[in-house]
Amino acid sequence: MDFVSGLLVTLPQPAGFWESIINAFGGVNGTYIIAVIILALLIRVVLSFFDIFNKKVSMKTNEINTKMKPELDAIRAKYANDQATLQKKTNDIYKKYQFNMMGSCLPMLINLVLSTVIFLTLWSSLQTVSNYNIASQYQEMKYTYANIIEINDYLLDTEFSEGDNLVLNITINDEGKKVINVDLYNGEIPIKPILIEHEFKTDWSNENIYYLLQKYVLLPQPDNEETADETEETPEAPKIEYIDTGFNSLVLTLAENTVKDYYLQTQEGFLWIKNIYKAESPQSPLFTENEIKNYLSKYYSGEEAELETANDYEGKIFQNIIASFEGVDLGLNGYYILTIIAALSSFFAMWFSNFLIRKTNNAQKDDKAPKQKQPWAMYIIMPIIMAIFTFMYTSLFAIYIIAGQLASIALSPITTLIVNKWTKISENKNKDKSIVEVDYRRKD
């Protein structure tokens, strides 16, 4: 059956800073994958300007340290037992070479803080966007399910014969509204074409939907007298009489098949990932009951929250809808491949950047220059952090991390080249200033 896609946004779309940018990019490109990759590239380009300045300061600091090293070593040996004098002499050397410890660390600190803020805020925003898309997809499935079950209302006075079948199509009418058309067949012979034209409704409450399920789907259950008095003060859902129209099972099958088709046709995947809004792990790509409840509960009114606490309408409806996927092999959402790639790319991006800086410093300085310590702790800590975030949260964030790291690797040679050119220009200017003009004219 062809399902007319037309996701009705029934939840308020996230409107934060990053969310607005992501939604704008996603609207233009039609996919959040491209939106996240573009955003990652733009952020890396912007951060590269800070990286250039940071590398320039780092190289200048290394150059000053090279010049100060012999004098610092000498006073450390001479005043090893006189800390007050050693500190004074050290400060004198710092002044001589115009070295400021805080000034040399400040660019790196600014870069670190800015990167951390972007990292955390984008992680939160991408998770919010993912939750929104999961919840919106489920809401459309829930409303579709309810609208189809409601068809039973139109079939109350319709005679049912052996071999009767219902054929359903969801279309857009001349007024641009979504409608459900139902035809009655006996085998392959149409009995009543366009038996029902039902306008698709989106103003359902969970309470209304559950009443509808009680009326046409949920078979009556025996009363449990032992627990009848335990919830006297709790608002309970009134019992609705189950009605058999003769078409109940046919309509239920239509509802289940339609929501299943809608999910499969609107599920957004990427490469081997079935659902980009969930973590890439060997679990089902289908959303869980807890995920749906956690997100939708934020939008319950006080009365709705009270009814949900007492009756768990959302959970009961979810279980009926999820029954549509019984026997359907949805596969796994991944195999932690993004987690591994994110950790490795994070390691290589840091190593490659530092390698280029060391290579430049070694080419410009003599063998007496102080050797820079390798940030081995960061080589371990950062990949672990990236692995944790990509392991636990939405695949969109993992894609953002990997795209950003690959962009950083590609930009490192460019930023290093710019820093080298900038440094040479500065050195040439300093040389020009140091030239002493000699006047050979005879003085009277």
Protein backbone atom coordinates (compact mmCIF):
# COMPACT_ATOMS: atom_id res chain seq x y z
CA MET A 1 0.00 0.00 0.00
CA ASP A 2 1.33 3.43 -0.88
CA PHE A 3 1.38 5.70 2.12
CA VAL A 4 1.15 9.43 1.56
CA SER A 5 3.93 10.94 3.60
CA GLY A 6 3.21 14.28 5.12
CA LEU A 7 4.48 14.45 8.66
CA LEU A 8 2.19 16.70 10.66
CA VAL A 9 4.27 18.62 13.16
CA THR A 10 2.25 18.33 16.32
CA LEU A 11 5.13 19.07 18.70
CA PRO A 12 6.85 22.44 19.09
CA GLN A 13 10.00 22.31 17.00
CA PRO A 14 13.20 22.97 19.02
CA ALA A 15 14.09 26.64 18.63
CA GLY A 16 17.48 27.04 20.33
CA PHE A 17 20.52 28.62 18.65
CA TRP A 18 22.02 25.42 17.25
CA GLU A 19 18.62 23.79 16.75
CA SER A 20 17.51 26.66 14.50
CA ILE A 21 20.68 26.42 12.41
CA ILE A 22 20.41 22.62 12.12
CA ASN A 23 16.73 22.79 11.14
CA ALA A 24 17.49 25.49 8.57
CA PHE A 25 20.28 23.43 6.99
CA GLY A 26 18.12 20.30 7.17
CA GLY A 27 15.22 22.08 5.49
CA VAL A 28 17.42 23.24 2.60
CA ASN A 29 19.16 19.89 2.07
CA GLY A 30 16.24 17.66 2.98
CA THR A 31 18.34 15.60 5.37
CA TYR A 32 19.92 16.15 8.75
CA ILE A 33 22.99 14.17 7.71
CA ILE A 34 24.12 16.82 5.21
CA ALA A 35 23.09 19.56 7.65
CA VAL A 36 25.31 18.17 10.40
CA ILE A 37 28.28 17.63 8.07
CA ILE A 38 28.02 21.19 6.70
CA LEU A 39 27.75 22.57 10.23
CA ALA A 40 30.80 20.57 11.33
CA LEU A 41 32.85 21.92 8.40
CA LEU A 42 31.80 25.53 9.05
CA ILE A 43 32.65 25.28 12.75
CA ARG A 44 36.08 23.79 12.00
CA VAL A 45 36.81 26.58 9.51
CA VAL A 46 35.87 29.22 12.10
CA LEU A 47 37.90 27.51 14.83
CA SER A 48 40.87 27.25 12.47
CA PHE A 49 41.33 31.04 12.75
CA PHE A 50 41.70 30.68 16.51
CA ASP A 51 43.98 27.70 15.89
CA ILE A 52 46.23 29.80 13.65
CA PHE A 53 46.63 32.44 16.34
CA ASN A 54 47.19 29.76 18.98
CA LYS A 55 49.91 28.09 16.89
CA LYS A 56 51.57 31.44 16.23
CA VAL A 57 51.73 32.21 19.94
CA SER A 58 52.94 28.67 20.63
CA MET A 59 55.77 28.98 18.10
CA LYS A 60 56.78 32.40 19.42
CA THR A 61 56.76 31.04 22.97
CA ASN A 62 58.94 28.14 21.88
CA GLU A 63 61.35 30.54 20.21
CA ILE A 64 61.63 32.69 23.36
CA ASN A 65 62.09 29.59 25.51
CA THR A 66 64.96 28.54 23.24
CA LYS A 67 66.69 31.89 23.74
CA MET A 68 66.09 31.95 27.50
CA LYS A 69 67.11 28.38 28.17
CA PRO A 70 70.91 28.91 28.58
CA GLU A 71 70.42 31.85 30.95
CA LEU A 72 67.70 30.07 32.94
CA ASP A 73 69.85 26.96 33.27
CA ALA A 74 72.75 29.08 34.50
CA ILE A 75 70.81 30.87 37.25
CA ARG A 76 69.12 27.65 38.32
CA ALA A 77 72.52 26.07 38.85
CA LYS A 78 73.94 29.17 40.59
CA TYR A 79 70.99 29.95 42.88
CA ALA A 80 69.59 26.46 43.44
CA ASN A 81 69.62 27.00 47.20
CA ASP A 82 68.34 30.58 47.15
CA GLN A 83 64.76 30.51 45.93
CA ALA A 84 64.11 34.21 46.48
CA THR A 85 67.08 35.27 44.35
CA LEU A 86 66.31 32.58 41.79
CA GLN A 87 62.76 33.89 41.40
CA LYS A 88 63.99 37.48 41.03
CA LYS A 89 66.61 36.54 38.43
CA THR A 90 64.04 34.46 36.56
CA ASN A 91 61.63 37.39 36.44
CA ASP A 92 64.46 39.63 35.19
CA ILE A 93 65.10 37.22 32.33
CA TYR A 94 61.38 37.10 31.53
CA LYS A 95 61.32 40.90 31.35
CA LYS A 96 64.45 40.94 29.20
CA TYR A 97 62.82 38.70 26.61
CA GLN A 98 59.33 40.18 27.11
CA PHE A 99 57.97 36.79 28.10
CA ASN A 100 54.53 36.66 29.73
CA MET A 101 53.42 33.28 31.06
CA MET A 102 49.77 34.29 31.15
CA GLY A 103 49.91 35.80 27.67
CA SER A 104 51.36 32.62 26.23
CA CYS A 105 48.64 30.46 27.80
CA LEU A 106 45.65 32.75 27.20
CA PRO A 107 45.09 31.94 23.47
CA MET A 108 45.22 28.23 24.21
CA LEU A 109 42.80 28.69 27.12
CA ILE A 110 40.37 30.71 24.97
CA ASN A 111 40.52 28.07 22.24
CA LEU A 112 39.92 25.29 24.77
CA VAL A 113 36.94 27.03 26.40
CA LEU A 114 35.36 27.90 23.05
CA SER A 115 35.78 24.34 21.76
CA THR A 116 34.33 22.89 24.96
CA VAL A 117 31.29 25.20 24.90
CA ILE A 118 30.58 24.35 21.25
CA PHE A 119 31.07 20.65 21.96
CA LEU A 120 28.64 20.51 24.90
CA THR A 121 25.97 22.81 23.49
CA LEU A 122 25.95 21.07 20.12
CA TRP A 123 25.78 17.66 21.78
CA SER A 124 22.72 18.79 23.74
CA SER A 125 21.11 20.40 20.68
CA LEU A 126 21.63 17.40 18.42
CA GLN A 127 20.16 15.14 21.08
CA THR A 128 17.14 17.46 21.33
CA VAL A 129 16.71 17.46 17.54
CA SER A 130 16.94 13.66 17.52
CA ASN A 131 14.37 13.31 20.30
CA TYR A 132 12.06 15.67 18.46
CA ASN A 133 12.25 13.69 15.22
CA ILE A 134 11.70 10.38 16.99
CA ALA A 135 8.72 11.76 18.91
CA SER A 136 7.23 13.42 15.80
CA GLN A 137 7.47 10.20 13.83
CA TYR A 138 5.77 8.30 16.65
CA GLN A 139 3.04 10.94 16.99
CA GLU A 140 2.20 10.63 13.30
CA MET A 141 2.08 6.86 13.65
CA LYS A 142 -0.18 7.17 16.71
CA TYR A 143 -2.59 9.56 14.99
CA THR A 144 -2.65 7.39 11.85
CA TYR A 145 -3.40 4.33 13.97
CA ALA A 146 -6.25 6.13 15.78
CA ASN A 147 -7.77 7.53 12.57
CA ILE A 148 -7.86 4.10 10.96
CA ILE A 149 -9.32 2.41 14.05
CA GLU A 150 -12.01 5.11 14.06
CA ILE A 151 -13.18 3.81 10.66
CA ASN A 152 -15.12 1.24 12.66
CA ASP A 153 -17.57 4.04 13.51
CA TYR A 154 -18.55 4.19 9.83
CA LEU A 155 -18.91 0.42 9.58
CA LEU A 156 -21.41 -0.11 12.40
CA ASP A 157 -24.36 -0.51 10.02
CA THR A 158 -22.42 -2.18 7.19
CA GLU A 159 -23.10 -5.87 6.60
CA PHE A 160 -20.09 -8.16 6.77
CA SER A 161 -19.93 -11.25 4.56
CA GLU A 162 -17.39 -14.05 4.35
CA GLY A 163 -14.57 -12.95 2.03
CA ASP A 164 -15.15 -9.22 2.54
CA ASN A 165 -12.04 -7.10 2.60
CA LEU A 166 -11.20 -3.43 3.12
CA VAL A 167 -8.81 -1.50 0.88
CA LEU A 168 -7.41 1.71 2.34
CA ASN A 169 -5.64 4.64 0.74
CA ILE A 170 -4.44 7.85 2.35
CA THR A 171 -4.54 10.78 -0.04
CA ILE A 172 -4.62 14.57 -0.15
CA ASN A 173 -7.96 16.03 -1.23
CA ASP A 174 -8.59 19.15 -3.32
CA GLU A 175 -8.49 21.31 -0.18
CA GLY A 176 -5.00 20.08 0.65
CA LYS A 177 -6.19 18.00 3.60
CA LYS A 178 -5.17 14.45 4.28
CA VAL A 179 -8.07 11.98 4.02
CA ILE A 180 -8.48 8.24 4.41
CA ASN A 181 -10.41 6.50 1.63
CA VAL A 182 -11.76 3.00 2.30
CA ASP A 183 -13.29 0.69 -0.29
CA LEU A 184 -15.19 -2.51 0.46
CA TYR A 185 -14.27 -5.55 -1.65
CA ASN A 186 -15.43 -9.14 -1.72
CA GLY A 187 -12.34 -10.93 -2.85
CA GLU A 188 -11.25 -8.87 -5.87
CA ILE A 189 -14.71 -7.53 -6.64
CA PRO A 190 -15.41 -3.96 -5.44
CA ILE A 191 -18.70 -3.82 -3.59
CA LYS A 192 -18.75 -0.22 -2.41
CA PRO A 193 -16.05 2.03 -3.90
CA ILE A 194 -15.14 4.92 -1.62
CA LEU A 195 -17.25 3.49 1.15
CA ILE A 196 -15.65 5.97 3.55
CA GLU A 197 -13.84 9.28 3.10
CA HIS A 198 -12.55 10.14 6.54
CA GLU A 199 -10.67 13.40 7.18
CA PHE A 200 -7.41 12.76 9.01
CA LYS A 201 -7.62 14.23 12.52
CA THR A 202 -4.67 15.37 14.64
CA ASP A 203 -6.46 16.67 17.72
CA TRP A 204 -6.44 13.34 19.52
CA SER A 205 -5.67 13.14 23.21
CA ASN A 206 -4.21 9.95 24.64
CA GLU A 207 -7.42 9.50 26.60
CA ASN A 208 -9.52 9.66 23.40
CA ILE A 209 -7.27 7.17 21.63
CA TYR A 210 -7.38 4.73 24.52
CA TYR A 211 -11.19 4.93 24.66
CA LEU A 212 -11.21 4.12 20.94
CA LEU A 213 -8.97 1.09 21.54
CA GLN A 214 -11.27 -0.10 24.29
CA LYS A 215 -14.23 0.26 21.95
CA TYR A 216 -12.83 -1.63 18.95
CA VAL A 217 -9.50 -3.28 19.75
CA LEU A 218 -9.05 -4.29 23.39
CA LEU A 219 -11.14 -7.30 24.29
CA PRO A 220 -12.92 -7.08 27.69
CA GLN A 221 -10.81 -8.28 30.60
CA PRO A 222 -12.20 -9.89 33.78
CA ASP A 223 -12.41 -7.51 36.76
CA ASN A 224 -9.85 -7.97 39.51
CA GLU A 225 -11.85 -7.62 42.70
CA GLU A 226 -8.77 -7.82 44.96
CA THR A 227 -7.38 -4.52 43.68
CA ALA A 228 -10.67 -2.70 43.23
CA ASP A 229 -10.35 -0.72 46.48
CA GLU A 230 -6.65 0.10 46.23
CA THR A 231 -7.03 3.09 43.92
CA GLU A 232 -10.12 4.85 45.23
CA GLU A 233 -8.47 8.29 45.06
CA THR A 234 -6.78 7.71 41.71
CA PRO A 235 -8.57 8.91 38.54
CA GLU A 236 -9.33 5.80 36.55
CA ALA A 237 -10.24 5.41 32.91
CA PRO A 238 -13.94 4.58 32.61
CA LYS A 239 -14.72 1.24 31.05
CA ILE A 240 -15.96 1.44 27.46
CA GLU A 241 -18.11 -1.32 26.03
CA TYR A 242 -16.33 -3.37 23.37
CA ILE A 243 -18.22 -3.30 20.06
CA ASP A 244 -17.79 -5.90 17.33
CA THR A 245 -18.58 -4.36 13.93
CA GLY A 246 -17.56 -7.50 12.10
CA PHE A 247 -14.67 -5.53 10.55
CA ASN A 248 -12.61 -5.09 13.74
CA SER A 249 -9.82 -7.45 12.78
CA LEU A 250 -9.67 -6.11 9.21
CA VAL A 251 -9.45 -2.51 10.41
CA LEU A 252 -6.83 -3.42 13.02
CA THR A 253 -4.74 -5.13 10.33
CA LEU A 254 -5.03 -2.01 8.15
CA ALA A 255 -3.94 0.18 11.06
CA GLU A 256 -0.96 -2.03 11.91
CA ASN A 257 0.22 -2.34 8.31
CA THR A 258 -0.15 1.39 7.69
CA VAL A 259 1.88 2.51 10.70
CA LYS A 260 4.50 -0.10 9.90
CA ASP A 261 4.76 1.12 6.29
CA TYR A 262 4.94 4.71 7.45
CA TYR A 263 7.81 3.94 9.84
CA LEU A 264 9.78 2.04 7.20
CA GLN A 265 9.26 4.73 4.55
CA THR A 266 10.13 7.69 6.78
CA GLN A 267 12.99 6.13 8.74
CA GLU A 268 16.16 8.15 8.07
CA GLY A 269 19.33 6.10 7.91
CA PHE A 270 22.90 6.60 6.78
CA LEU A 271 25.22 3.95 5.34
CA TRP A 272 24.83 0.94 7.68
CA ILE A 273 22.91 2.92 10.32
CA LYS A 274 19.17 2.30 10.25
CA ASN A 275 18.13 5.23 12.48
CA ILE A 276 20.42 8.27 12.70
CA TYR A 277 18.50 9.63 15.68
CA LYS A 278 19.57 6.76 17.93
CA ALA A 279 23.04 5.65 19.01
CA GLU A 280 24.88 3.47 16.51
CA SER A 281 24.88 0.21 18.47
CA PRO A 282 23.76 -3.40 17.99
CA GLN A 283 20.23 -2.65 19.16
CA SER A 284 16.91 -2.26 17.36
CA PRO A 285 16.56 1.03 15.44
CA LEU A 286 12.95 1.28 16.64
CA PHE A 287 12.28 3.78 19.41
CA THR A 288 11.49 2.43 22.88
CA GLU A 289 8.57 3.12 25.18
CA ASN A 290 10.80 4.97 27.65
CA GLU A 291 12.22 7.21 24.90
CA ILE A 292 8.74 8.21 23.79
CA LYS A 293 7.45 8.78 27.31
CA ASN A 294 10.50 10.80 28.39
CA TYR A 295 10.18 13.21 25.49
CA LEU A 296 6.40 13.55 25.21
CA SER A 297 5.89 13.91 28.98
CA LYS A 298 7.52 17.36 28.72
CA TYR A 299 4.48 18.57 26.81
CA TYR A 300 1.71 17.14 29.01
CA SER A 301 -0.57 19.61 30.73
CA GLY A 302 -1.08 19.20 34.47
CA GLU A 303 -4.30 17.25 33.89
CA GLU A 304 -2.71 15.06 31.23
CA ALA A 305 0.25 14.29 33.48
CA GLU A 306 -2.14 13.24 36.26
CA LEU A 307 -4.11 10.99 33.91
CA GLU A 308 -0.91 9.46 32.52
CA THR A 309 0.39 8.74 36.02
CA ALA A 310 -2.88 7.06 36.95
CA ASN A 311 -3.65 5.18 33.73
CA ASP A 312 -0.49 5.08 31.61
CA TYR A 313 -2.39 5.81 28.40
CA GLU A 314 0.84 6.48 26.50
CA GLY A 315 2.32 3.14 27.45
CA LYS A 316 -0.86 1.19 26.59
CA ILE A 317 -1.21 2.92 23.22
CA PHE A 318 2.49 2.37 22.49
CA GLN A 319 2.20 -1.35 23.15
CA ASN A 320 -0.68 -1.61 20.68
CA ILE A 321 1.18 0.31 18.00
CA ILE A 322 4.43 -1.60 18.55
CA ALA A 323 2.50 -4.85 18.00
CA SER A 324 2.46 -3.83 14.33
CA PHE A 325 6.14 -4.78 14.13
CA GLU A 326 5.75 -8.29 15.49
CA GLY A 327 7.69 -10.64 13.23
CA VAL A 328 9.37 -7.78 11.32
CA ASP A 329 13.17 -7.98 11.27
CA LEU A 330 14.30 -4.36 11.56
CA GLY A 331 17.94 -5.34 11.90
CA LEU A 332 20.50 -3.66 14.16
CA ASN A 333 21.24 0.04 14.29
CA GLY A 334 24.99 -0.44 14.05
CA TYR A 335 28.09 -2.11 15.42
CA TYR A 336 29.94 0.69 17.30
CA ILE A 337 31.80 1.55 14.08
CA LEU A 338 31.18 5.29 14.56
CA THR A 339 32.50 5.06 18.12
CA ILE A 340 35.74 3.48 16.91
CA ILE A 341 36.14 5.97 14.03
CA ALA A 342 35.43 8.93 16.35
CA ALA A 343 38.11 7.79 18.83
CA LEU A 344 40.72 7.10 16.13
CA SER A 345 40.05 10.33 14.23
CA SER A 346 40.30 12.33 17.47
CA PHE A 347 43.68 10.76 18.24
CA PHE A 348 45.04 11.26 14.74
CA ALA A 349 43.81 14.88 14.51
CA MET A 350 45.72 15.83 17.68
CA TRP A 351 48.81 13.82 16.75
CA PHE A 352 48.94 15.21 13.21
CA SER A 353 48.56 18.83 14.36
CA ASN A 354 51.33 18.46 16.94
CA PHE A 355 53.49 16.60 14.42
CA LEU A 356 53.33 19.54 12.01
CA ILE A 357 54.20 22.00 14.77
CA ARG A 358 57.16 19.88 15.93
CA LYS A 359 58.35 19.49 12.35
CA THR A 360 58.28 23.26 11.84
CA ASN A 361 60.06 23.95 15.14
CA ASN A 362 62.76 21.37 14.42
CA ALA A 363 63.36 22.85 10.99
CA GLN A 364 63.76 26.37 12.36
CA LYS A 365 65.64 25.77 15.63
CA ASP A 366 69.01 24.29 16.47
CA ASP A 367 69.69 21.13 18.46
CA LYS A 368 69.92 23.09 21.71
CA ALA A 369 66.26 24.06 21.54
CA PRO A 370 64.17 22.60 24.35
CA LYS A 371 62.22 19.55 23.33
CA GLN A 372 58.46 19.95 23.55
CA LYS A 373 56.73 17.44 25.75
CA GLN A 374 54.21 15.23 23.98
CA PRO A 375 50.60 15.58 25.29
CA TRP A 376 50.23 11.83 25.69
CA ALA A 377 47.58 12.25 28.37
CA MET A 378 45.36 14.20 25.94
CA TYR A 379 46.03 11.59 23.26
CA ILE A 380 44.27 9.12 25.56
CA ILE A 381 41.69 11.31 27.34
CA MET A 382 40.16 13.03 24.30
CA PRO A 383 39.56 9.84 22.25
CA ILE A 384 37.95 8.26 25.32
CA ILE A 385 35.63 11.27 25.74
CA MET A 386 34.69 11.12 22.06
CA ALA A 387 34.05 7.38 22.31
CA ILE A 388 31.78 7.80 25.35
CA PHE A 389 29.63 10.49 23.74
CA THR A 390 29.30 8.67 20.41
CA PHE A 391 28.64 5.37 22.19
CA MET A 392 25.79 6.67 24.35
CA TYR A 393 24.02 9.32 22.29
CA THR A 394 22.49 10.08 18.90
CA SER A 395 24.35 9.02 15.75
CA LEU A 396 24.00 12.61 14.50
CA PHE A 397 26.52 13.72 17.13
CA ALA A 398 28.90 10.92 16.17
CA ILE A 399 28.70 12.02 12.53
CA TYR A 400 29.34 15.62 13.60
CA ILE A 401 32.42 14.58 15.61
CA ILE A 402 33.91 12.50 12.80
CA ALA A 403 33.25 15.14 10.13
CA GLY A 404 34.81 17.80 12.37
CA GLN A 405 37.91 15.70 13.09
CA LEU A 406 38.43 14.89 9.42
CA ALA A 407 38.07 18.58 8.57
CA SER A 408 40.59 19.41 11.29
CA ILE A 409 43.09 16.93 9.82
CA ALA A 410 42.61 18.43 6.35
CA LEU A 411 42.99 22.01 7.64
CA SER A 412 46.09 21.35 9.80
CA PRO A 413 48.64 21.65 6.93
CA ILE A 414 46.94 24.85 5.76
CA THR A 415 46.92 26.47 9.21
CA THR A 416 50.53 25.44 9.78
CA LEU A 417 51.58 26.93 6.42
CA ILE A 418 49.81 30.21 7.27
CA VAL A 419 51.54 30.32 10.66
CA ASN A 420 54.94 29.71 9.03
CA LYS A 421 54.36 32.51 6.53
CA TRP A 422 53.16 34.82 9.31
CA THR A 423 56.22 34.00 11.42
CA LYS A 424 58.64 34.69 8.55
CA ILE A 425 56.99 38.04 7.86
CA SER A 426 57.31 38.97 11.54
CA GLU A 427 60.97 37.90 11.60
CA ASN A 428 61.76 39.95 8.50
CA LYS A 429 60.12 43.02 10.05
CA ASN A 430 62.16 42.56 13.22
CA LYS A 431 65.36 42.25 11.18
CA ASP A 432 64.55 45.47 9.33
CA LYS A 433 64.06 47.28 12.61
CA SER A 434 67.40 46.03 13.96
CA ILE A 435 69.44 47.46 11.08
CA VAL A 436 71.60 50.30 12.35
CA GLU A 437 71.96 53.19 9.93
CA VAL A 438 75.55 54.52 9.84
CA ASP A 439 76.13 58.19 8.85
CA TYR A 440 79.51 58.63 7.08
CA ARG A 441 79.19 62.39 6.57
CA ARG A 442 81.87 64.55 8.13
CA LYS A 443 80.68 66.36 11.14
CA ASP A 444 81.84 69.95 11.83
